[in-house]
Amino acid sequence: MAPGTLADEIRLKLGDVSPAERKVARVLLAGYPSAGFETMAVLAERAAVSAPTVLRFVNRLGYRGFPDFQAALRAELDERNASPLSLYEATDYGRSKGGPGGPDDDLSLLQRGSNVFSAAVTQTLAELPPHDLEHAIRLLSDSKRRITLAGGRFTNLFAQYLGLHLMQLRDDVRFLPDRDVERTAVFAALHRRDVLVVFDYRRYEQDKVAMAELVQAQGGKVILFTDMWLSPASVHAEVVLPSQVAAPSPYDSLVPTLAVIETVVAGVLTALGEDAHQRMRHVEDTARRMNLY
């Protein structure tokens, strides 16, 4: 199973460090990950602490020194920005002709898939922040809020999947249009009752950051589905729902994300109660009258 990010490690240490070290942690988190590449002297100055305090903090994280900490951060960023091609070339896929996993792999494809997917889904749901999950359900089940969904290259399918479920449970759900003029009109009309649901996974898409920043600036809420390295859009999100992406191939898996989506849908259905029931009945009746079912 994939380890957590350095940001996760820093957050976990917040309650166990001295007040001065906590200042270092907050500066690192506020400017993550770029703040971690400052010199130790600059970081100390920004946190209003001494350089030895910075060193003590990175020691608490388990690193021998500041260069060791920065090396780990660089490795994380390399992983965060990895493409299917780079993952292919860095594994046995790119070094052998023996098929997935290489010639020495004694597990069948089905067994490896079962192991990887089961572990990824289990870890994702175990580490999903309960507060964020509950807040996402509250926002999506609030009938006074308008929901707009936006996905990426592959994750647009998941935005559609979640949106089609929500449309059967409540009113005022829409997908972000593809054409620039229509997109501009959507964002120009946003206000504090709007919720933008964004899907953004490595390699992150810059337009998702701009969308989230604009919605936040106009008083709306952003729900972000992302991976464990966290999309840069997370800085502007009210809710962040991260998922593992481990797969038996060089392509990131969205199986754990689907499990999170299904969990959110179940929560919204429960939160809406009889209103959802009546909406579902109305949708079914409308479809039958139009000969769509």
Protein backbone atom coordinates (compact mmCIF):
# COMPACT_ATOMS: atom_id res chain seq x y z
CA MET A 1 0.00 0.00 0.00
CA ALA A 2 1.21 3.49 -0.82
CA PRO A 3 2.56 5.54 2.06
CA GLY A 4 1.14 8.89 3.01
CA THR A 5 2.62 12.15 1.79
CA LEU A 6 5.09 14.30 3.68
CA ALA A 7 2.24 16.72 4.27
CA ASP A 8 0.36 13.91 6.03
CA GLU A 9 3.42 13.20 8.20
CA ILE A 10 3.71 16.87 9.11
CA ARG A 11 0.02 17.12 10.06
CA LEU A 12 0.31 14.03 12.25
CA LYS A 13 3.21 15.62 14.15
CA LEU A 14 1.43 18.90 14.90
CA GLY A 15 0.21 17.75 18.31
CA ASP A 16 3.54 16.22 19.37
CA VAL A 17 6.00 19.04 18.76
CA SER A 18 7.05 22.20 20.57
CA PRO A 19 5.30 25.52 19.80
CA ALA A 20 8.35 26.70 17.83
CA GLU A 21 8.47 23.50 15.78
CA ARG A 22 4.74 23.82 15.17
CA LYS A 23 5.44 27.18 13.49
CA VAL A 24 7.80 25.40 11.09
CA ALA A 25 5.16 22.80 10.37
CA ARG A 26 2.52 25.41 9.59
CA VAL A 27 4.83 27.30 7.23
CA LEU A 28 5.61 24.05 5.40
CA LEU A 29 1.92 23.13 5.13
CA ALA A 30 0.84 26.62 4.05
CA GLY A 31 3.29 26.60 1.16
CA TYR A 32 3.42 22.88 0.45
CA PRO A 33 5.35 21.59 -1.39
CA SER A 34 7.38 24.61 -2.56
CA ALA A 35 8.12 25.81 0.99
CA GLY A 36 10.07 22.61 1.59
CA PHE A 37 12.61 23.60 -1.06
CA GLU A 38 13.57 26.88 0.61
CA THR A 39 16.92 26.97 2.38
CA MET A 40 16.84 26.15 6.06
CA ALA A 41 17.69 29.78 6.86
CA VAL A 42 14.81 31.14 4.76
CA LEU A 43 12.35 28.65 6.24
CA ALA A 44 13.49 29.56 9.75
CA GLU A 45 13.03 33.25 8.98
CA ARG A 46 9.52 32.71 7.57
CA ALA A 47 8.55 30.74 10.69
CA ALA A 48 10.23 33.27 13.01
CA VAL A 49 12.33 30.53 14.62
CA SER A 50 15.99 29.52 14.65
CA ALA A 51 17.64 27.23 12.08
CA PRO A 52 18.27 24.56 14.76
CA THR A 53 14.49 24.52 15.40
CA VAL A 54 13.90 23.68 11.73
CA LEU A 55 16.50 20.93 11.96
CA ARG A 56 14.92 19.49 15.12
CA PHE A 57 11.55 19.39 13.38
CA VAL A 58 12.79 17.47 10.34
CA ASN A 59 14.61 15.12 12.75
CA ARG A 60 11.28 14.45 14.43
CA LEU A 61 9.90 13.48 11.03
CA GLY A 62 12.62 10.82 10.83
CA TYR A 63 15.13 12.56 8.56
CA ARG A 64 18.86 12.81 9.35
CA GLY A 65 19.04 16.40 8.13
CA PHE A 66 17.44 19.04 5.95
CA PRO A 67 18.99 17.73 2.69
CA ASP A 68 17.58 14.29 3.52
CA PHE A 69 14.11 15.84 4.01
CA GLN A 70 14.35 17.72 0.70
CA ALA A 71 15.46 14.55 -1.12
CA ALA A 72 12.35 12.77 0.17
CA LEU A 73 10.20 15.70 -0.98
CA ARG A 74 11.77 15.56 -4.47
CA ALA A 75 11.09 11.83 -4.66
CA GLU A 76 7.46 12.44 -3.68
CA LEU A 77 7.07 15.10 -6.36
CA ASP A 78 8.57 12.78 -8.97
CA GLU A 79 5.99 10.18 -7.97
CA ARG A 80 3.24 12.79 -7.89
CA ASN A 81 3.98 13.83 -11.47
CA ALA A 82 4.60 10.35 -12.86
CA SER A 83 2.97 9.41 -16.14
CA PRO A 84 1.90 5.92 -17.28
CA LEU A 85 4.91 5.95 -19.64
CA SER A 86 7.40 6.77 -16.88
CA LEU A 87 5.86 4.13 -14.62
CA TYR A 88 6.02 1.59 -17.45
CA GLU A 89 9.69 2.29 -18.09
CA ALA A 90 10.55 2.18 -14.37
CA THR A 91 9.06 -1.29 -13.82
CA ASP A 92 9.34 -4.79 -15.22
CA TYR A 93 6.86 -3.81 -17.91
CA GLY A 94 9.60 -1.90 -19.64
CA ARG A 95 12.42 -4.33 -18.88
CA SER A 96 11.07 -7.75 -19.78
CA LYS A 97 9.08 -9.58 -22.37
CA GLY A 98 7.43 -11.83 -19.86
CA GLY A 99 4.21 -9.84 -19.64
CA PRO A 100 2.79 -7.95 -16.67
CA GLY A 101 4.93 -8.31 -13.59
CA GLY A 102 7.88 -9.87 -15.41
CA PRO A 103 8.81 -13.53 -15.97
CA ASP A 104 9.48 -14.27 -12.30
CA ASP A 105 6.00 -13.30 -11.17
CA ASP A 106 4.43 -16.44 -9.69
CA LEU A 107 1.01 -14.87 -9.14
CA SER A 108 -1.71 -14.99 -11.76
CA LEU A 109 -3.03 -11.72 -13.18
CA LEU A 110 -6.34 -12.29 -11.41
CA GLN A 111 -4.64 -12.92 -8.06
CA ARG A 112 -2.45 -9.83 -8.38
CA GLY A 113 -5.44 -7.75 -9.38
CA SER A 114 -7.42 -9.04 -6.42
CA ASN A 115 -4.58 -8.29 -4.01
CA VAL A 116 -3.86 -4.80 -5.32
CA PHE A 117 -7.45 -3.61 -5.71
CA SER A 118 -8.62 -5.05 -2.38
CA ALA A 119 -5.76 -3.41 -0.51
CA ALA A 120 -6.21 -0.06 -2.29
CA VAL A 121 -9.95 0.11 -1.63
CA THR A 122 -9.52 -0.94 2.00
CA GLN A 123 -6.80 1.64 2.64
CA THR A 124 -8.72 4.40 0.85
CA LEU A 125 -11.89 3.92 2.88
CA ALA A 126 -9.93 3.48 6.13
CA GLU A 127 -8.03 6.73 5.61
CA LEU A 128 -10.91 8.80 4.20
CA PRO A 129 -11.33 11.76 6.57
CA PRO A 130 -14.76 11.25 8.24
CA HIS A 131 -15.29 15.00 8.59
CA ASP A 132 -14.70 15.58 4.88
CA LEU A 133 -16.98 12.70 3.90
CA GLU A 134 -19.78 13.99 6.14
CA HIS A 135 -19.31 17.55 4.88
CA ALA A 136 -19.45 16.38 1.24
CA ILE A 137 -22.72 14.58 1.95
CA ARG A 138 -24.16 17.67 3.66
CA LEU A 139 -23.27 19.91 0.73
CA LEU A 140 -24.54 17.51 -1.93
CA SER A 141 -27.83 16.87 -0.11
CA ASP A 142 -28.56 20.57 0.52
CA SER A 143 -31.43 21.32 -1.86
CA LYS A 144 -30.67 25.05 -1.70
CA ARG A 145 -27.30 24.49 -3.35
CA ARG A 146 -26.62 24.12 -7.08
CA ILE A 147 -24.18 21.34 -7.99
CA THR A 148 -21.75 21.56 -10.93
CA LEU A 149 -19.44 18.65 -11.76
CA ALA A 150 -16.15 18.75 -13.68
CA GLY A 151 -13.73 15.95 -14.52
CA GLY A 152 -10.44 15.51 -16.34
CA ARG A 153 -9.03 13.43 -19.18
CA PHE A 154 -10.17 10.12 -17.68
CA THR A 155 -12.07 11.27 -14.62
CA ASN A 156 -14.76 13.04 -16.63
CA LEU A 157 -16.39 9.58 -16.72
CA PHE A 158 -16.54 9.63 -12.92
CA ALA A 159 -17.94 13.16 -12.80
CA GLN A 160 -20.67 11.93 -15.14
CA TYR A 161 -21.24 8.83 -13.01
CA LEU A 162 -21.67 10.79 -9.78
CA GLY A 163 -23.74 13.47 -11.48
CA LEU A 164 -26.18 11.01 -13.05
CA HIS A 165 -26.80 9.50 -9.63
CA LEU A 166 -27.33 12.89 -8.03
CA MET A 167 -29.78 13.88 -10.77
CA GLN A 168 -32.01 11.00 -9.73
CA LEU A 169 -31.93 12.11 -6.10
CA ARG A 170 -32.23 15.92 -6.24
CA ASP A 171 -32.72 18.96 -8.47
CA ASP A 172 -30.20 21.50 -9.74
CA VAL A 173 -27.35 19.21 -10.81
CA ARG A 174 -25.41 19.92 -13.99
CA PHE A 175 -22.15 19.13 -15.78
CA LEU A 176 -19.62 21.78 -16.70
CA PRO A 177 -20.03 22.48 -20.45
CA ASP A 178 -17.18 21.79 -22.86
CA ARG A 179 -17.37 25.00 -24.88
CA ASP A 180 -15.45 28.02 -23.59
CA VAL A 181 -18.34 30.48 -23.94
CA GLU A 182 -20.68 28.24 -21.95
CA ARG A 183 -18.03 27.54 -19.31
CA THR A 184 -17.40 31.25 -18.88
CA ALA A 185 -21.12 31.88 -18.45
CA VAL A 186 -21.34 29.16 -15.79
CA PHE A 187 -18.45 30.56 -13.74
CA ALA A 188 -19.59 34.16 -14.15
CA ALA A 189 -22.94 33.24 -12.59
CA LEU A 190 -21.56 31.36 -9.57
CA HIS A 191 -22.39 32.54 -6.06
CA ARG A 192 -22.14 31.35 -2.46
CA ARG A 193 -24.84 28.71 -2.87
CA ASP A 194 -22.89 26.90 -5.58
CA VAL A 195 -20.92 23.68 -5.10
CA LEU A 196 -18.27 22.63 -7.62
CA VAL A 197 -17.34 18.94 -7.59
CA VAL A 198 -13.92 18.47 -9.20
CA PHE A 199 -12.01 15.30 -10.08
CA ASP A 200 -8.24 15.86 -10.47
CA TYR A 201 -5.55 13.16 -10.35
CA ARG A 202 -1.90 13.09 -11.31
CA ARG A 203 -0.84 14.52 -13.78
CA TYR A 204 -2.92 17.42 -12.50
CA GLU A 205 -4.72 19.81 -14.84
CA GLN A 206 -4.13 23.52 -14.33
CA ASP A 207 -7.69 24.50 -15.23
CA LYS A 208 -8.97 22.61 -12.17
CA VAL A 209 -6.91 24.87 -9.91
CA ALA A 210 -8.30 27.96 -11.64
CA MET A 211 -11.87 26.64 -11.33
CA ALA A 212 -11.51 25.88 -7.63
CA GLU A 213 -9.87 29.22 -6.91
CA LEU A 214 -12.64 31.12 -8.71
CA VAL A 215 -15.44 29.25 -6.94
CA GLN A 216 -13.82 29.85 -3.55
CA ALA A 217 -13.32 33.54 -4.33
CA GLN A 218 -17.02 33.89 -5.17
CA GLY A 219 -18.08 32.28 -1.90
CA GLY A 220 -18.97 28.85 -3.27
CA LYS A 221 -17.77 25.47 -2.03
CA VAL A 222 -15.42 23.00 -3.75
CA ILE A 223 -15.50 19.24 -3.25
CA LEU A 224 -12.32 17.67 -4.61
CA PHE A 225 -11.83 14.00 -5.49
CA THR A 226 -8.08 13.41 -5.89
CA ASP A 227 -5.21 11.01 -5.20
CA MET A 228 -3.10 10.70 -2.06
CA TRP A 229 -0.57 13.25 -3.35
CA LEU A 230 -3.37 15.83 -3.50
CA SER A 231 -4.14 18.01 -6.51
CA PRO A 232 -2.93 21.63 -6.22
CA ALA A 233 -6.65 22.49 -6.29
CA SER A 234 -6.87 21.14 -2.72
CA VAL A 235 -5.70 24.55 -1.44
CA HIS A 236 -9.05 26.00 -2.53
CA ALA A 237 -11.28 23.03 -1.62
CA GLU A 238 -13.73 22.90 1.26
CA VAL A 239 -13.71 19.09 1.10
CA VAL A 240 -10.89 16.81 -0.07
CA LEU A 241 -11.58 13.10 -0.69
CA PRO A 242 -8.28 11.33 -1.53
CA SER A 243 -7.96 7.81 -2.95
CA GLN A 244 -5.17 5.32 -3.47
CA VAL A 245 -4.29 4.63 -7.11
CA ALA A 246 -2.33 1.37 -6.94
CA ALA A 247 -2.93 -0.91 -9.92
CA PRO A 248 -1.47 -4.08 -11.47
CA SER A 249 -0.50 -1.95 -14.50
CA PRO A 250 1.36 1.34 -15.02
CA TYR A 251 -2.00 3.15 -15.20
CA ASP A 252 -3.38 4.65 -12.00
CA SER A 253 -6.44 2.79 -10.82
CA LEU A 254 -9.73 4.60 -10.25
CA VAL A 255 -11.31 1.58 -8.56
CA PRO A 256 -10.86 3.09 -5.07
CA THR A 257 -12.32 6.38 -6.32
CA LEU A 258 -15.41 4.53 -7.50
CA ALA A 259 -15.76 3.07 -4.00
CA VAL A 260 -15.62 6.59 -2.54
CA ILE A 261 -18.24 7.80 -5.03
CA GLU A 262 -20.56 4.92 -4.18
CA THR A 263 -20.11 5.70 -0.47
CA VAL A 264 -20.96 9.37 -1.06
CA VAL A 265 -24.07 8.42 -3.08
CA ALA A 266 -25.23 6.14 -0.27
CA GLY A 267 -24.74 8.97 2.22
CA VAL A 268 -26.65 11.49 0.10
CA LEU A 269 -29.51 9.02 -0.36
CA THR A 270 -29.73 8.53 3.41
CA ALA A 271 -29.48 12.26 4.11
CA LEU A 272 -32.27 13.13 1.65
CA GLY A 273 -34.52 10.35 2.92
CA GLU A 274 -38.10 10.55 1.66
CA ASP A 275 -37.28 13.52 -0.57
CA ALA A 276 -34.91 11.28 -2.54
CA HIS A 277 -37.56 8.56 -2.68
CA GLN A 278 -40.12 10.94 -4.14
CA ARG A 279 -37.58 12.35 -6.59
CA MET A 280 -36.70 8.84 -7.79
CA ARG A 281 -40.37 8.02 -8.22
CA HIS A 282 -40.93 11.23 -10.20
CA VAL A 283 -37.91 10.54 -12.43
CA GLU A 284 -39.08 7.00 -13.15
CA ASP A 285 -42.61 8.20 -13.93
CA THR A 286 -41.32 10.93 -16.25
CA ALA A 287 -39.09 8.48 -18.10
CA ARG A 288 -41.95 6.02 -18.59
CA ARG A 289 -44.23 8.77 -19.94
CA MET A 290 -41.56 9.72 -22.46
CA ASN A 291 -40.92 6.06 -23.38
CA LEU A 292 -37.29 6.35 -22.28
CA TYR A 293 -37.37 3.26 -20.05
